[in-house]
Amino acid sequence: MSADALRTARTVRGRYAELKLDLVDSVNVVRAGQYETDTVRTLDRRDFGAILPLTPHPAFGLLPDDLQAASPRKGETDAASGGTPRLSRNHETRAGV
């Protein structure tokens, strides 16, 4: 991890000081930004439900929660994604969105 990435992680921690983020959480936000994704694997629903991605995405998708919510019913797939379930975004329940 570069010094710039760590500085950005500290900025994220400062921006969301009321959440008292762990360094690992803020680093995951930075990593998601570096990979230009809005999807993170975490069970930390409280923090990642409130944090906005560093990318233009409106909210983080949380795995495994959003993947399970998007699982197709028996026999259903999303043809546009090559037959895999799409991630759903439940923005209404996310704090800060």
Protein backbone atom coordinates (compact mmCIF):
# COMPACT_ATOMS: atom_id res chain seq x y z
CA MET A 1 0.00 0.00 0.00
CA SER A 2 1.43 3.35 -1.01
CA ALA A 3 1.86 6.38 1.22
CA ASP A 4 -0.71 8.23 -0.93
CA ALA A 5 -3.24 5.46 -0.37
CA LEU A 6 -2.66 5.58 3.39
CA ARG A 7 -3.11 9.36 3.36
CA THR A 8 -6.39 8.91 1.52
CA ALA A 9 -7.44 6.26 4.06
CA ARG A 10 -6.75 8.74 6.86
CA THR A 11 -8.85 11.33 5.02
CA VAL A 12 -11.71 8.82 4.80
CA ARG A 13 -11.40 8.16 8.53
CA GLY A 14 -11.56 11.89 9.19
CA ARG A 15 -14.55 12.40 6.91
CA TYR A 16 -16.46 9.71 8.80
CA ALA A 17 -15.04 10.41 12.26
CA GLU A 18 -18.41 9.84 13.93
CA LEU A 19 -18.26 6.19 12.79
CA LYS A 20 -14.86 5.65 14.42
CA LEU A 21 -13.67 3.64 11.42
CA ASP A 22 -10.91 1.11 11.77
CA LEU A 23 -7.93 1.69 9.50
CA VAL A 24 -8.82 -1.54 7.69
CA ASP A 25 -12.28 -0.20 6.78
CA SER A 26 -10.88 3.04 5.40
CA VAL A 27 -8.20 1.12 3.47
CA ASN A 28 -10.95 -1.04 1.94
CA VAL A 29 -12.73 2.14 0.81
CA VAL A 30 -9.48 3.30 -0.83
CA ARG A 31 -8.88 -0.10 -2.44
CA ALA A 32 -12.41 -0.14 -3.84
CA GLY A 33 -11.69 3.29 -5.33
CA GLN A 34 -8.44 2.08 -6.84
CA TYR A 35 -10.25 -0.84 -8.46
CA GLU A 36 -13.11 1.47 -9.50
CA THR A 37 -15.69 -0.77 -7.87
CA ASP A 38 -18.57 -0.18 -5.51
CA THR A 39 -18.66 -3.73 -4.20
CA VAL A 40 -16.89 -4.83 -1.03
CA ARG A 41 -16.91 -8.09 0.85
CA THR A 42 -17.71 -7.26 4.45
CA LEU A 43 -20.02 -8.03 7.32
CA ASP A 44 -19.60 -4.47 8.60
CA ARG A 45 -23.02 -3.30 7.45
CA ARG A 46 -23.13 -0.33 9.83
CA ASP A 47 -20.00 1.38 8.51
CA PHE A 48 -20.21 0.46 4.83
CA GLY A 49 -23.90 1.32 4.77
CA ALA A 50 -22.98 4.89 5.72
CA ILE A 51 -19.76 5.40 3.75
CA LEU A 52 -19.93 6.63 0.18
CA PRO A 53 -17.53 5.13 -2.38
CA LEU A 54 -14.67 7.26 -3.69
CA THR A 55 -15.98 6.47 -7.19
CA PRO A 56 -19.11 8.02 -8.74
CA HIS A 57 -21.22 5.08 -7.50
CA PRO A 58 -24.11 6.12 -5.22
CA ALA A 59 -23.45 3.48 -2.51
CA PHE A 60 -21.42 0.39 -1.72
CA GLY A 61 -22.73 -3.03 -2.59
CA LEU A 62 -22.04 -5.39 0.28
CA LEU A 63 -21.16 -9.01 -0.19
CA PRO A 64 -22.49 -11.47 0.77
CA ASP A 65 -25.68 -9.50 1.63
CA ASP A 66 -26.42 -7.98 -1.78
CA LEU A 67 -25.44 -11.13 -3.64
CA GLN A 68 -27.88 -13.20 -1.58
CA ALA A 69 -30.60 -10.59 -2.11
CA ALA A 70 -30.01 -10.77 -5.86
CA SER A 71 -30.03 -14.54 -6.14
CA PRO A 72 -32.43 -15.54 -8.89
CA ARG A 73 -35.33 -17.84 -8.24
CA LYS A 74 -34.92 -21.37 -9.51
CA GLY A 75 -34.38 -21.22 -13.26
CA GLU A 76 -33.99 -17.40 -13.43
CA THR A 77 -30.77 -15.68 -14.51
CA ASP A 78 -29.81 -12.29 -15.83
CA ALA A 79 -28.99 -12.71 -19.51
CA ALA A 80 -27.19 -9.34 -19.66
CA SER A 81 -24.66 -10.50 -17.09
CA GLY A 82 -23.98 -13.83 -18.73
CA GLY A 83 -26.46 -15.80 -16.66
CA THR A 84 -25.22 -14.70 -13.25
CA PRO A 85 -27.34 -12.92 -10.65
CA ARG A 86 -26.99 -9.15 -10.56
CA LEU A 87 -26.22 -7.32 -7.36
CA SER A 88 -29.11 -5.34 -5.98
CA ARG A 89 -28.63 -2.03 -4.27
CA ASN A 90 -30.92 -1.30 -1.36
CA HIS A 91 -30.12 2.41 -1.16
CA GLU A 92 -33.20 3.27 0.87
CA THR A 93 -31.87 1.41 3.93
CA ARG A 94 -28.35 2.80 3.72
CA ALA A 95 -27.58 5.61 6.17
CA GLY A 96 -26.20 8.73 4.58
CA VAL A 97 -27.60 8.03 1.11
